[in-house]
Amino acid sequence: MVSNLAVFRETLQAAGGRLVRPRVYERNVRYDTDKDRLRRRDELLRLRQDTMVRLTFKGMAWSAGQSEVKVREEIEIEVDDFDRAAALIGRLGFEPKQVYEKYRETFQLSEVEVVLDEMPFGNFVELEGEEEAIKAAAVRLELDWNRRIVTNYLELMGRLKAYHSLPFDDLTFANFKDLPVSAADILP
């Protein structure tokens, strides 16, 4: 979690990070079966819309040996119509379970993709790439490796919901408007 994205953005650009995708609003819908089969297996089926529409499957997280980063299979395809894709997913037996929103800005720092995410409950930096490259980028960006978060936003939302007894599941800006709730409430 990052307290000030503007300051971090300056650090990122000073370290050589270059903007590859400007800030964009992103809407995601998580799908599952009526018995939450995917969630119980730590898998994810998501339909995302920003400047394009993408359907993504994420497999169970696994660790190759002593990896210190989260590794999981990810299969993603671009589709041309959000509503038709949602209808197809429904016909296959999946139903919308959760909506989550964010604003995302994407940078490239050497071989690491660095995304700045503005979530309804806080701001985050996400690093994607090979483990050694991620570690090197974290050092260059002055990120404390011991404070990294290897869980996803939906798990954080589940913890926040339990901690604050929130009456909703969707991670949307409208739901968090005027609520004194932050992911910092549940993070060490």
N, C-alpha and C. Protein backbone atom coordinates (compact mmCIF):
# COMPACT_ATOMS: atom_id res chain seq x y z
N MET A 1 0.86 -1.17 0.00
CA MET A 1 0.00 0.00 0.00
C MET A 1 0.90 1.23 0.00
N VAL A 2 0.50 2.25 -0.75
CA VAL A 2 1.28 3.48 -0.89
C VAL A 2 0.43 4.65 -0.43
N SER A 3 0.99 5.47 0.43
CA SER A 3 0.20 6.59 0.96
C SER A 3 0.05 7.72 -0.06
N ASN A 4 1.04 7.92 -0.92
CA ASN A 4 0.98 9.04 -1.86
C ASN A 4 1.45 8.58 -3.24
N LEU A 5 0.51 8.35 -4.15
CA LEU A 5 0.86 7.88 -5.48
C LEU A 5 1.64 8.91 -6.28
N ALA A 6 1.36 10.19 -6.08
CA ALA A 6 2.07 11.23 -6.83
C ALA A 6 3.56 11.20 -6.50
N VAL A 7 3.89 11.07 -5.22
CA VAL A 7 5.29 11.00 -4.81
C VAL A 7 5.92 9.72 -5.35
N PHE A 8 5.20 8.61 -5.27
CA PHE A 8 5.74 7.36 -5.78
C PHE A 8 5.96 7.44 -7.29
N ARG A 9 5.03 8.04 -8.02
CA ARG A 9 5.16 8.21 -9.47
C ARG A 9 6.45 8.95 -9.80
N GLU A 10 6.77 9.99 -9.02
CA GLU A 10 8.02 10.74 -9.24
C GLU A 10 9.23 9.84 -9.01
N THR A 11 9.20 9.03 -7.96
CA THR A 11 10.29 8.08 -7.68
C THR A 11 10.43 7.08 -8.83
N LEU A 12 9.31 6.59 -9.31
CA LEU A 12 9.30 5.63 -10.41
C LEU A 12 9.90 6.23 -11.68
N GLN A 13 9.50 7.44 -12.01
CA GLN A 13 10.02 8.07 -13.22
C GLN A 13 11.50 8.43 -13.07
N ALA A 14 11.92 8.84 -11.89
CA ALA A 14 13.34 9.14 -11.65
C ALA A 14 14.19 7.88 -11.76
N ALA A 15 13.60 6.72 -11.46
CA ALA A 15 14.32 5.45 -11.56
C ALA A 15 14.35 4.91 -13.00
N GLY A 16 13.67 5.61 -13.91
CA GLY A 16 13.67 5.19 -15.31
C GLY A 16 12.37 4.58 -15.78
N GLY A 17 11.36 4.57 -14.94
CA GLY A 17 10.06 4.03 -15.34
C GLY A 17 9.44 4.90 -16.42
N ARG A 18 8.92 4.25 -17.45
CA ARG A 18 8.26 5.02 -18.52
C ARG A 18 6.80 4.61 -18.62
N LEU A 19 5.97 5.60 -18.81
CA LEU A 19 4.53 5.38 -18.90
C LEU A 19 4.21 4.61 -20.19
N VAL A 20 3.50 3.50 -20.06
CA VAL A 20 3.09 2.73 -21.24
C VAL A 20 1.57 2.72 -21.42
N ARG A 21 0.83 3.02 -20.36
CA ARG A 21 -0.62 3.11 -20.45
C ARG A 21 -1.10 4.14 -19.46
N PRO A 22 -1.66 5.25 -19.94
CA PRO A 22 -2.13 6.30 -19.02
C PRO A 22 -3.24 5.80 -18.10
N ARG A 23 -3.49 6.58 -17.08
CA ARG A 23 -4.52 6.26 -16.08
C ARG A 23 -5.85 6.00 -16.76
N VAL A 24 -6.48 4.88 -16.38
CA VAL A 24 -7.75 4.49 -16.98
C VAL A 24 -8.63 3.87 -15.90
N TYR A 25 -9.92 4.09 -16.02
CA TYR A 25 -10.89 3.46 -15.12
C TYR A 25 -11.09 2.02 -15.58
N GLU A 26 -11.18 1.13 -14.62
CA GLU A 26 -11.31 -0.29 -14.91
C GLU A 26 -12.46 -0.87 -14.09
N ARG A 27 -13.33 -1.59 -14.75
CA ARG A 27 -14.44 -2.28 -14.08
C ARG A 27 -14.25 -3.77 -14.30
N ASN A 28 -14.32 -4.53 -13.22
CA ASN A 28 -14.13 -5.98 -13.26
C ASN A 28 -15.34 -6.67 -12.65
N VAL A 29 -15.71 -7.79 -13.22
CA VAL A 29 -16.76 -8.62 -12.66
C VAL A 29 -16.17 -10.01 -12.47
N ARG A 30 -16.25 -10.51 -11.24
CA ARG A 30 -15.79 -11.86 -10.92
C ARG A 30 -16.97 -12.81 -11.04
N TYR A 31 -16.74 -13.92 -11.75
CA TYR A 31 -17.78 -14.93 -11.96
C TYR A 31 -17.41 -16.21 -11.23
N ASP A 32 -18.45 -16.96 -10.84
CA ASP A 32 -18.22 -18.25 -10.21
C ASP A 32 -19.50 -19.08 -10.36
N THR A 33 -19.45 -20.31 -9.91
CA THR A 33 -20.64 -21.16 -9.91
C THR A 33 -21.50 -20.80 -8.70
N ASP A 34 -22.69 -21.35 -8.64
CA ASP A 34 -23.56 -21.06 -7.51
C ASP A 34 -22.97 -21.59 -6.20
N LYS A 35 -22.07 -22.56 -6.27
CA LYS A 35 -21.42 -23.10 -5.07
C LYS A 35 -19.99 -22.57 -4.89
N ASP A 36 -19.65 -21.51 -5.62
CA ASP A 36 -18.33 -20.87 -5.51
C ASP A 36 -17.17 -21.85 -5.70
N ARG A 37 -17.30 -22.72 -6.68
CA ARG A 37 -16.27 -23.73 -6.95
C ARG A 37 -14.91 -23.10 -7.25
N LEU A 38 -14.87 -22.04 -8.05
CA LEU A 38 -13.59 -21.41 -8.39
C LEU A 38 -12.93 -20.78 -7.17
N ARG A 39 -13.68 -20.02 -6.40
CA ARG A 39 -13.12 -19.36 -5.22
C ARG A 39 -12.56 -20.38 -4.24
N ARG A 40 -13.27 -21.47 -4.05
CA ARG A 40 -12.80 -22.50 -3.12
C ARG A 40 -11.50 -23.15 -3.59
N ARG A 41 -11.24 -23.13 -4.91
CA ARG A 41 -10.00 -23.68 -5.45
C ARG A 41 -8.95 -22.60 -5.68
N ASP A 42 -9.21 -21.38 -5.18
CA ASP A 42 -8.29 -20.25 -5.36
C ASP A 42 -8.08 -19.93 -6.83
N GLU A 43 -9.17 -20.02 -7.62
CA GLU A 43 -9.13 -19.68 -9.04
C GLU A 43 -10.05 -18.49 -9.27
N LEU A 44 -9.88 -17.84 -10.41
CA LEU A 44 -10.65 -16.64 -10.69
C LEU A 44 -11.05 -16.61 -12.16
N LEU A 45 -12.29 -16.28 -12.42
CA LEU A 45 -12.79 -16.01 -13.76
C LEU A 45 -13.31 -14.58 -13.73
N ARG A 46 -12.70 -13.73 -14.57
CA ARG A 46 -12.99 -12.30 -14.50
C ARG A 46 -13.24 -11.75 -15.90
N LEU A 47 -14.20 -10.83 -15.97
CA LEU A 47 -14.44 -10.06 -17.18
C LEU A 47 -14.10 -8.61 -16.85
N ARG A 48 -13.16 -8.05 -17.60
CA ARG A 48 -12.64 -6.70 -17.30
C ARG A 48 -12.92 -5.77 -18.47
N GLN A 49 -13.31 -4.54 -18.12
CA GLN A 49 -13.48 -3.52 -19.15
C GLN A 49 -12.75 -2.25 -18.74
N ASP A 50 -11.85 -1.81 -19.61
CA ASP A 50 -11.21 -0.50 -19.49
C ASP A 50 -11.26 0.09 -20.90
N THR A 51 -10.16 0.23 -21.58
CA THR A 51 -10.20 0.69 -22.97
C THR A 51 -10.49 -0.46 -23.91
N MET A 52 -10.50 -1.68 -23.38
CA MET A 52 -10.86 -2.87 -24.13
C MET A 52 -11.57 -3.82 -23.17
N VAL A 53 -12.01 -4.95 -23.67
CA VAL A 53 -12.69 -5.95 -22.85
C VAL A 53 -11.86 -7.23 -22.89
N ARG A 54 -11.57 -7.77 -21.70
CA ARG A 54 -10.77 -8.99 -21.61
C ARG A 54 -11.41 -9.98 -20.65
N LEU A 55 -11.33 -11.25 -21.03
CA LEU A 55 -11.79 -12.35 -20.19
C LEU A 55 -10.54 -13.05 -19.68
N THR A 56 -10.47 -13.23 -18.35
CA THR A 56 -9.27 -13.78 -17.73
C THR A 56 -9.62 -14.93 -16.81
N PHE A 57 -8.81 -15.99 -16.89
CA PHE A 57 -8.84 -17.08 -15.93
C PHE A 57 -7.50 -17.05 -15.20
N LYS A 58 -7.54 -17.09 -13.87
CA LYS A 58 -6.32 -17.20 -13.06
C LYS A 58 -6.41 -18.49 -12.28
N GLY A 59 -5.36 -19.30 -12.42
CA GLY A 59 -5.31 -20.57 -11.72
C GLY A 59 -4.87 -20.40 -10.28
N MET A 60 -4.86 -21.51 -9.58
CA MET A 60 -4.44 -21.52 -8.18
C MET A 60 -3.02 -20.99 -8.05
N ALA A 61 -2.78 -20.19 -7.03
CA ALA A 61 -1.43 -19.68 -6.77
C ALA A 61 -0.53 -20.84 -6.36
N TRP A 62 0.68 -20.84 -6.88
CA TRP A 62 1.64 -21.87 -6.52
C TRP A 62 3.00 -21.22 -6.40
N SER A 63 3.86 -21.90 -5.75
CA SER A 63 5.20 -21.37 -5.53
C SER A 63 6.21 -22.37 -6.05
N ALA A 64 7.07 -21.91 -6.96
CA ALA A 64 8.13 -22.76 -7.50
C ALA A 64 9.29 -22.75 -6.51
N GLY A 65 9.40 -23.79 -5.69
CA GLY A 65 10.47 -23.85 -4.71
C GLY A 65 10.26 -22.84 -3.61
N GLN A 66 11.21 -21.98 -3.42
CA GLN A 66 11.16 -21.00 -2.33
C GLN A 66 10.84 -19.59 -2.86
N SER A 67 10.00 -19.48 -3.84
CA SER A 67 9.66 -18.18 -4.42
C SER A 67 9.03 -17.27 -3.37
N GLU A 68 9.41 -16.01 -3.44
CA GLU A 68 8.86 -15.01 -2.51
C GLU A 68 7.80 -14.14 -3.17
N VAL A 69 7.42 -14.50 -4.39
CA VAL A 69 6.38 -13.76 -5.09
C VAL A 69 5.24 -14.71 -5.43
N LYS A 70 4.09 -14.15 -5.71
CA LYS A 70 2.92 -14.95 -6.05
C LYS A 70 3.01 -15.34 -7.52
N VAL A 71 2.89 -16.63 -7.78
CA VAL A 71 2.96 -17.15 -9.14
C VAL A 71 1.67 -17.92 -9.40
N ARG A 72 1.02 -17.60 -10.53
CA ARG A 72 -0.18 -18.35 -10.88
C ARG A 72 -0.38 -18.31 -12.38
N GLU A 73 -1.02 -19.36 -12.88
CA GLU A 73 -1.35 -19.42 -14.30
C GLU A 73 -2.34 -18.31 -14.61
N GLU A 74 -2.16 -17.67 -15.76
CA GLU A 74 -3.11 -16.64 -16.19
C GLU A 74 -3.34 -16.80 -17.68
N ILE A 75 -4.60 -16.99 -18.04
CA ILE A 75 -4.99 -17.08 -19.44
C ILE A 75 -5.94 -15.92 -19.70
N GLU A 76 -5.61 -15.10 -20.68
CA GLU A 76 -6.43 -13.91 -20.95
C GLU A 76 -6.66 -13.78 -22.44
N ILE A 77 -7.89 -13.47 -22.80
CA ILE A 77 -8.22 -13.20 -24.20
C ILE A 77 -8.98 -11.89 -24.29
N GLU A 78 -8.84 -11.23 -25.41
CA GLU A 78 -9.59 -10.00 -25.65
C GLU A 78 -10.90 -10.38 -26.35
N VAL A 79 -11.98 -9.78 -25.91
CA VAL A 79 -13.28 -9.97 -26.55
C VAL A 79 -13.78 -8.60 -26.99
N ASP A 80 -14.76 -8.58 -27.89
CA ASP A 80 -15.16 -7.28 -28.43
C ASP A 80 -16.42 -6.70 -27.81
N ASP A 81 -17.11 -7.46 -26.96
CA ASP A 81 -18.38 -6.97 -26.42
C ASP A 81 -18.57 -7.49 -25.00
N PHE A 82 -18.57 -6.58 -24.03
CA PHE A 82 -18.70 -6.96 -22.62
C PHE A 82 -20.01 -7.71 -22.36
N ASP A 83 -21.13 -7.16 -22.83
CA ASP A 83 -22.43 -7.76 -22.53
C ASP A 83 -22.59 -9.15 -23.16
N ARG A 84 -22.10 -9.32 -24.38
CA ARG A 84 -22.19 -10.64 -25.03
C ARG A 84 -21.28 -11.63 -24.32
N ALA A 85 -20.11 -11.20 -23.91
CA ALA A 85 -19.21 -12.09 -23.18
C ALA A 85 -19.85 -12.49 -21.85
N ALA A 86 -20.48 -11.53 -21.17
CA ALA A 86 -21.16 -11.84 -19.90
C ALA A 86 -22.29 -12.85 -20.13
N ALA A 87 -23.02 -12.70 -21.22
CA ALA A 87 -24.10 -13.65 -21.54
C ALA A 87 -23.53 -15.04 -21.80
N LEU A 88 -22.43 -15.12 -22.51
CA LEU A 88 -21.79 -16.41 -22.78
C LEU A 88 -21.33 -17.08 -21.49
N ILE A 89 -20.70 -16.31 -20.62
CA ILE A 89 -20.25 -16.84 -19.33
C ILE A 89 -21.44 -17.38 -18.53
N GLY A 90 -22.54 -16.65 -18.58
CA GLY A 90 -23.76 -17.10 -17.89
C GLY A 90 -24.29 -18.41 -18.45
N ARG A 91 -24.27 -18.54 -19.76
CA ARG A 91 -24.76 -19.77 -20.39
C ARG A 91 -23.88 -20.98 -20.03
N LEU A 92 -22.64 -20.71 -19.66
CA LEU A 92 -21.73 -21.79 -19.28
C LEU A 92 -21.88 -22.16 -17.80
N GLY A 93 -22.81 -21.50 -17.10
CA GLY A 93 -23.10 -21.88 -15.72
C GLY A 93 -22.45 -21.01 -14.66
N PHE A 94 -21.85 -19.91 -15.08
CA PHE A 94 -21.23 -19.00 -14.12
C PHE A 94 -22.13 -17.79 -13.92
N GLU A 95 -22.08 -17.25 -12.72
CA GLU A 95 -22.89 -16.07 -12.41
C GLU A 95 -22.00 -14.97 -11.83
N PRO A 96 -22.40 -13.71 -12.04
CA PRO A 96 -21.61 -12.62 -11.47
C PRO A 96 -21.67 -12.67 -9.95
N LYS A 97 -20.52 -12.62 -9.31
CA LYS A 97 -20.44 -12.71 -7.85
C LYS A 97 -19.98 -11.43 -7.20
N GLN A 98 -19.14 -10.65 -7.90
CA GLN A 98 -18.55 -9.49 -7.26
C GLN A 98 -18.06 -8.52 -8.33
N VAL A 99 -18.28 -7.25 -8.09
CA VAL A 99 -17.77 -6.19 -8.96
C VAL A 99 -16.67 -5.48 -8.21
N TYR A 100 -15.59 -5.16 -8.92
CA TYR A 100 -14.55 -4.35 -8.30
C TYR A 100 -14.00 -3.37 -9.32
N GLU A 101 -13.71 -2.17 -8.82
CA GLU A 101 -13.29 -1.06 -9.67
C GLU A 101 -11.94 -0.53 -9.23
N LYS A 102 -11.27 0.10 -10.17
CA LYS A 102 -10.01 0.77 -9.85
C LYS A 102 -9.66 1.72 -10.98
N TYR A 103 -8.74 2.60 -10.69
CA TYR A 103 -8.06 3.38 -11.71
C TYR A 103 -6.65 2.83 -11.76
N ARG A 104 -6.15 2.59 -12.98
CA ARG A 104 -4.84 1.97 -13.14
C ARG A 104 -3.99 2.76 -14.13
N GLU A 105 -2.74 2.93 -13.76
CA GLU A 105 -1.74 3.58 -14.62
C GLU A 105 -0.58 2.59 -14.72
N THR A 106 -0.09 2.34 -15.95
CA THR A 106 0.91 1.29 -16.15
C THR A 106 2.22 1.86 -16.66
N PHE A 107 3.31 1.42 -16.02
CA PHE A 107 4.66 1.82 -16.39
C PHE A 107 5.51 0.59 -16.68
N GLN A 108 6.62 0.80 -17.36
CA GLN A 108 7.61 -0.25 -17.57
C GLN A 108 8.92 0.23 -16.96
N LEU A 109 9.50 -0.60 -16.11
CA LEU A 109 10.79 -0.31 -15.49
C LEU A 109 11.68 -1.51 -15.79
N SER A 110 12.59 -1.35 -16.74
CA SER A 110 13.40 -2.47 -17.24
C SER A 110 12.43 -3.57 -17.68
N GLU A 111 12.58 -4.79 -17.15
CA GLU A 111 11.70 -5.87 -17.58
C GLU A 111 10.51 -6.09 -16.64
N VAL A 112 10.23 -5.13 -15.79
CA VAL A 112 9.13 -5.25 -14.83
C VAL A 112 8.00 -4.27 -15.18
N GLU A 113 6.79 -4.80 -15.20
CA GLU A 113 5.62 -3.94 -15.36
C GLU A 113 5.26 -3.42 -13.97
N VAL A 114 5.08 -2.11 -13.86
CA VAL A 114 4.73 -1.48 -12.60
C VAL A 114 3.39 -0.79 -12.79
N VAL A 115 2.40 -1.20 -12.01
CA VAL A 115 1.09 -0.57 -12.11
C VAL A 115 0.78 0.18 -10.82
N LEU A 116 0.18 1.33 -11.00
CA LEU A 116 -0.28 2.15 -9.87
C LEU A 116 -1.79 2.02 -9.85
N ASP A 117 -2.31 1.42 -8.80
CA ASP A 117 -3.74 1.17 -8.68
C ASP A 117 -4.36 2.04 -7.61
N GLU A 118 -5.39 2.77 -7.99
CA GLU A 118 -6.20 3.54 -7.05
C GLU A 118 -7.47 2.73 -6.81
N MET A 119 -7.54 2.13 -5.63
CA MET A 119 -8.68 1.30 -5.26
C MET A 119 -9.60 2.11 -4.34
N PRO A 120 -10.85 1.71 -4.20
CA PRO A 120 -11.74 2.41 -3.28
C PRO A 120 -11.24 2.43 -1.83
N PHE A 121 -10.37 1.49 -1.45
CA PHE A 121 -9.88 1.43 -0.08
C PHE A 121 -8.40 1.74 0.06
N GLY A 122 -7.78 2.30 -0.97
CA GLY A 122 -6.37 2.67 -0.85
C GLY A 122 -5.63 2.58 -2.18
N ASN A 123 -4.39 3.03 -2.16
CA ASN A 123 -3.55 3.05 -3.34
C ASN A 123 -2.46 1.99 -3.22
N PHE A 124 -2.17 1.33 -4.35
CA PHE A 124 -1.24 0.22 -4.34
C PHE A 124 -0.31 0.27 -5.54
N VAL A 125 0.85 -0.36 -5.37
CA VAL A 125 1.80 -0.55 -6.46
C VAL A 125 1.91 -2.05 -6.68
N GLU A 126 1.80 -2.46 -7.92
CA GLU A 126 1.92 -3.88 -8.25
C GLU A 126 3.08 -4.05 -9.22
N LEU A 127 3.94 -5.02 -8.94
CA LEU A 127 5.09 -5.33 -9.79
C LEU A 127 4.87 -6.69 -10.42
N GLU A 128 5.04 -6.78 -11.75
CA GLU A 128 4.87 -8.07 -12.44
C GLU A 128 6.10 -8.34 -13.29
N GLY A 129 6.60 -9.56 -13.20
CA GLY A 129 7.76 -9.97 -13.97
C GLY A 129 8.40 -11.16 -13.30
N GLU A 130 9.64 -11.45 -13.68
CA GLU A 130 10.39 -12.54 -13.05
C GLU A 130 10.81 -12.11 -11.65
N GLU A 131 10.91 -13.08 -10.75
CA GLU A 131 11.17 -12.77 -9.34
C GLU A 131 12.40 -11.90 -9.11
N GLU A 132 13.52 -12.25 -9.72
CA GLU A 132 14.75 -11.47 -9.49
C GLU A 132 14.60 -10.05 -10.01
N ALA A 133 13.92 -9.88 -11.15
CA ALA A 133 13.68 -8.55 -11.70
C ALA A 133 12.75 -7.74 -10.79
N ILE A 134 11.76 -8.41 -10.21
CA ILE A 134 10.84 -7.75 -9.28
C ILE A 134 11.61 -7.26 -8.05
N LYS A 135 12.46 -8.13 -7.52
CA LYS A 135 13.25 -7.74 -6.34
C LYS A 135 14.16 -6.56 -6.65
N ALA A 136 14.79 -6.56 -7.81
CA ALA A 136 15.67 -5.46 -8.20
C ALA A 136 14.86 -4.17 -8.36
N ALA A 137 13.68 -4.28 -8.95
CA ALA A 137 12.82 -3.10 -9.12
C ALA A 137 12.38 -2.56 -7.77
N ALA A 138 12.07 -3.44 -6.84
CA ALA A 138 11.65 -3.01 -5.50
C ALA A 138 12.76 -2.21 -4.83
N VAL A 139 13.99 -2.65 -4.99
CA VAL A 139 15.13 -1.91 -4.42
C VAL A 139 15.25 -0.54 -5.09
N ARG A 140 15.19 -0.52 -6.43
CA ARG A 140 15.30 0.76 -7.16
C ARG A 140 14.20 1.73 -6.76
N LEU A 141 13.03 1.20 -6.44
CA LEU A 141 11.88 2.04 -6.11
C LEU A 141 11.74 2.30 -4.62
N GLU A 142 12.71 1.82 -3.85
CA GLU A 142 12.74 2.04 -2.40
C GLU A 142 11.51 1.47 -1.70
N LEU A 143 11.06 0.31 -2.20
CA LEU A 143 9.93 -0.38 -1.58
C LEU A 143 10.47 -1.37 -0.56
N ASP A 144 9.86 -1.42 0.60
CA ASP A 144 10.27 -2.33 1.65
C ASP A 144 9.76 -3.74 1.33
N TRP A 145 10.68 -4.63 0.95
CA TRP A 145 10.32 -5.99 0.55
C TRP A 145 9.56 -6.72 1.64
N ASN A 146 9.86 -6.46 2.87
CA ASN A 146 9.20 -7.13 3.99
C ASN A 146 7.75 -6.68 4.18
N ARG A 147 7.36 -5.60 3.52
CA ARG A 147 5.98 -5.12 3.64
C ARG A 147 5.14 -5.43 2.40
N ARG A 148 5.68 -6.28 1.53
CA ARG A 148 4.95 -6.62 0.30
C ARG A 148 3.68 -7.39 0.67
N ILE A 149 2.69 -7.28 -0.18
CA ILE A 149 1.42 -7.96 0.00
C ILE A 149 1.29 -8.96 -1.15
N VAL A 150 1.12 -10.22 -0.85
CA VAL A 150 0.99 -11.21 -1.91
C VAL A 150 -0.44 -11.72 -2.07
N THR A 151 -1.37 -11.07 -1.42
CA THR A 151 -2.77 -11.41 -1.58
C THR A 151 -3.38 -10.50 -2.65
N ASN A 152 -4.60 -10.78 -3.06
CA ASN A 152 -5.22 -9.93 -4.08
C ASN A 152 -6.25 -8.98 -3.45
N TYR A 153 -6.75 -8.06 -4.28
CA TYR A 153 -7.68 -7.04 -3.79
C TYR A 153 -8.97 -7.65 -3.25
N LEU A 154 -9.43 -8.75 -3.84
CA LEU A 154 -10.67 -9.36 -3.38
C LEU A 154 -10.50 -9.99 -2.00
N GLU A 155 -9.33 -10.56 -1.74
CA GLU A 155 -9.06 -11.09 -0.40
C GLU A 155 -8.98 -9.96 0.62
N LEU A 156 -8.34 -8.86 0.23
CA LEU A 156 -8.29 -7.69 1.12
C LEU A 156 -9.70 -7.19 1.41
N MET A 157 -10.54 -7.19 0.37
CA MET A 157 -11.92 -6.75 0.55
C MET A 157 -12.65 -7.67 1.55
N GLY A 158 -12.42 -8.97 1.44
CA GLY A 158 -13.04 -9.90 2.38
C GLY A 158 -12.62 -9.64 3.81
N ARG A 159 -11.34 -9.34 4.00
CA ARG A 159 -10.85 -9.03 5.35
C ARG A 159 -11.44 -7.72 5.86
N LEU A 160 -11.50 -6.71 4.97
CA LEU A 160 -12.09 -5.42 5.38
C LEU A 160 -13.57 -5.58 5.72
N LYS A 161 -14.26 -6.37 4.93
CA LYS A 161 -15.70 -6.60 5.18
C LYS A 161 -15.89 -7.19 6.58
N ALA A 162 -15.07 -8.19 6.90
CA ALA A 162 -15.18 -8.82 8.22
C ALA A 162 -14.78 -7.86 9.34
N TYR A 163 -13.70 -7.13 9.15
CA TYR A 163 -13.18 -6.22 10.17
C TYR A 163 -14.15 -5.10 10.49
N HIS A 164 -14.78 -4.54 9.45
CA HIS A 164 -15.69 -3.40 9.64
C HIS A 164 -17.16 -3.79 9.58
N SER A 165 -17.47 -5.06 9.44
CA SER A 165 -18.86 -5.53 9.29
C SER A 165 -19.56 -4.79 8.15
N LEU A 166 -18.89 -4.72 7.01
CA LEU A 166 -19.47 -4.01 5.86
C LEU A 166 -20.64 -4.80 5.30
N PRO A 167 -21.72 -4.12 4.91
CA PRO A 167 -22.92 -4.81 4.44
C PRO A 167 -22.90 -5.12 2.94
N PHE A 168 -21.75 -5.00 2.27
CA PHE A 168 -21.68 -5.19 0.83
C PHE A 168 -20.44 -6.00 0.45
N ASP A 169 -20.48 -6.60 -0.74
CA ASP A 169 -19.36 -7.39 -1.26
C ASP A 169 -18.61 -6.67 -2.36
N ASP A 170 -19.29 -5.78 -3.08
CA ASP A 170 -18.68 -5.13 -4.23
C ASP A 170 -17.68 -4.06 -3.82
N LEU A 171 -16.55 -4.10 -4.46
CA LEU A 171 -15.44 -3.19 -4.18
C LEU A 171 -15.54 -2.04 -5.19
N THR A 172 -16.50 -1.14 -4.93
CA THR A 172 -16.75 -0.03 -5.85
C THR A 172 -16.55 1.30 -5.14
N PHE A 173 -16.28 2.31 -5.93
CA PHE A 173 -16.09 3.64 -5.35
C PHE A 173 -17.37 4.14 -4.69
N ALA A 174 -18.52 3.81 -5.26
CA ALA A 174 -19.79 4.23 -4.68
C ALA A 174 -19.99 3.61 -3.29
N ASN A 175 -19.65 2.33 -3.13
CA ASN A 175 -19.82 1.68 -1.83
C ASN A 175 -18.91 2.27 -0.75
N PHE A 176 -17.73 2.72 -1.13
CA PHE A 176 -16.77 3.24 -0.15
C PHE A 176 -16.85 4.76 0.03
N LYS A 177 -17.72 5.40 -0.75
CA LYS A 177 -17.83 6.86 -0.66
C LYS A 177 -18.19 7.27 0.77
N ASP A 178 -17.43 8.17 1.32
CA ASP A 178 -17.65 8.73 2.66
C ASP A 178 -17.48 7.73 3.81
N LEU A 179 -16.93 6.55 3.52
CA LEU A 179 -16.67 5.59 4.59
C LEU A 179 -15.23 5.76 5.08
N PRO A 180 -15.03 5.83 6.37
CA PRO A 180 -13.65 5.95 6.91
C PRO A 180 -12.99 4.56 6.99
N VAL A 181 -12.86 3.93 5.83
CA VAL A 181 -12.33 2.56 5.75
C VAL A 181 -11.14 2.56 4.80
N SER A 182 -10.07 1.89 5.23
CA SER A 182 -8.86 1.80 4.42
C SER A 182 -8.26 0.42 4.59
N ALA A 183 -7.58 -0.06 3.56
CA ALA A 183 -6.87 -1.34 3.68
C ALA A 183 -5.82 -1.27 4.77
N ALA A 184 -5.35 -0.07 5.11
CA ALA A 184 -4.37 0.08 6.18
C ALA A 184 -4.95 -0.41 7.52
N ASP A 185 -6.28 -0.46 7.62
CA ASP A 185 -6.93 -0.93 8.85
C ASP A 185 -6.61 -2.40 9.14
N ILE A 186 -6.29 -3.16 8.10
CA ILE A 186 -6.09 -4.60 8.29
C ILE A 186 -4.68 -5.05 7.93
N LEU A 187 -3.85 -4.13 7.44
CA LEU A 187 -2.49 -4.51 7.05
C LEU A 187 -1.52 -4.22 8.19
N PRO A 188 -0.47 -5.06 8.33
CA PRO A 188 0.50 -4.83 9.41
C PRO A 188 1.31 -3.56 9.17
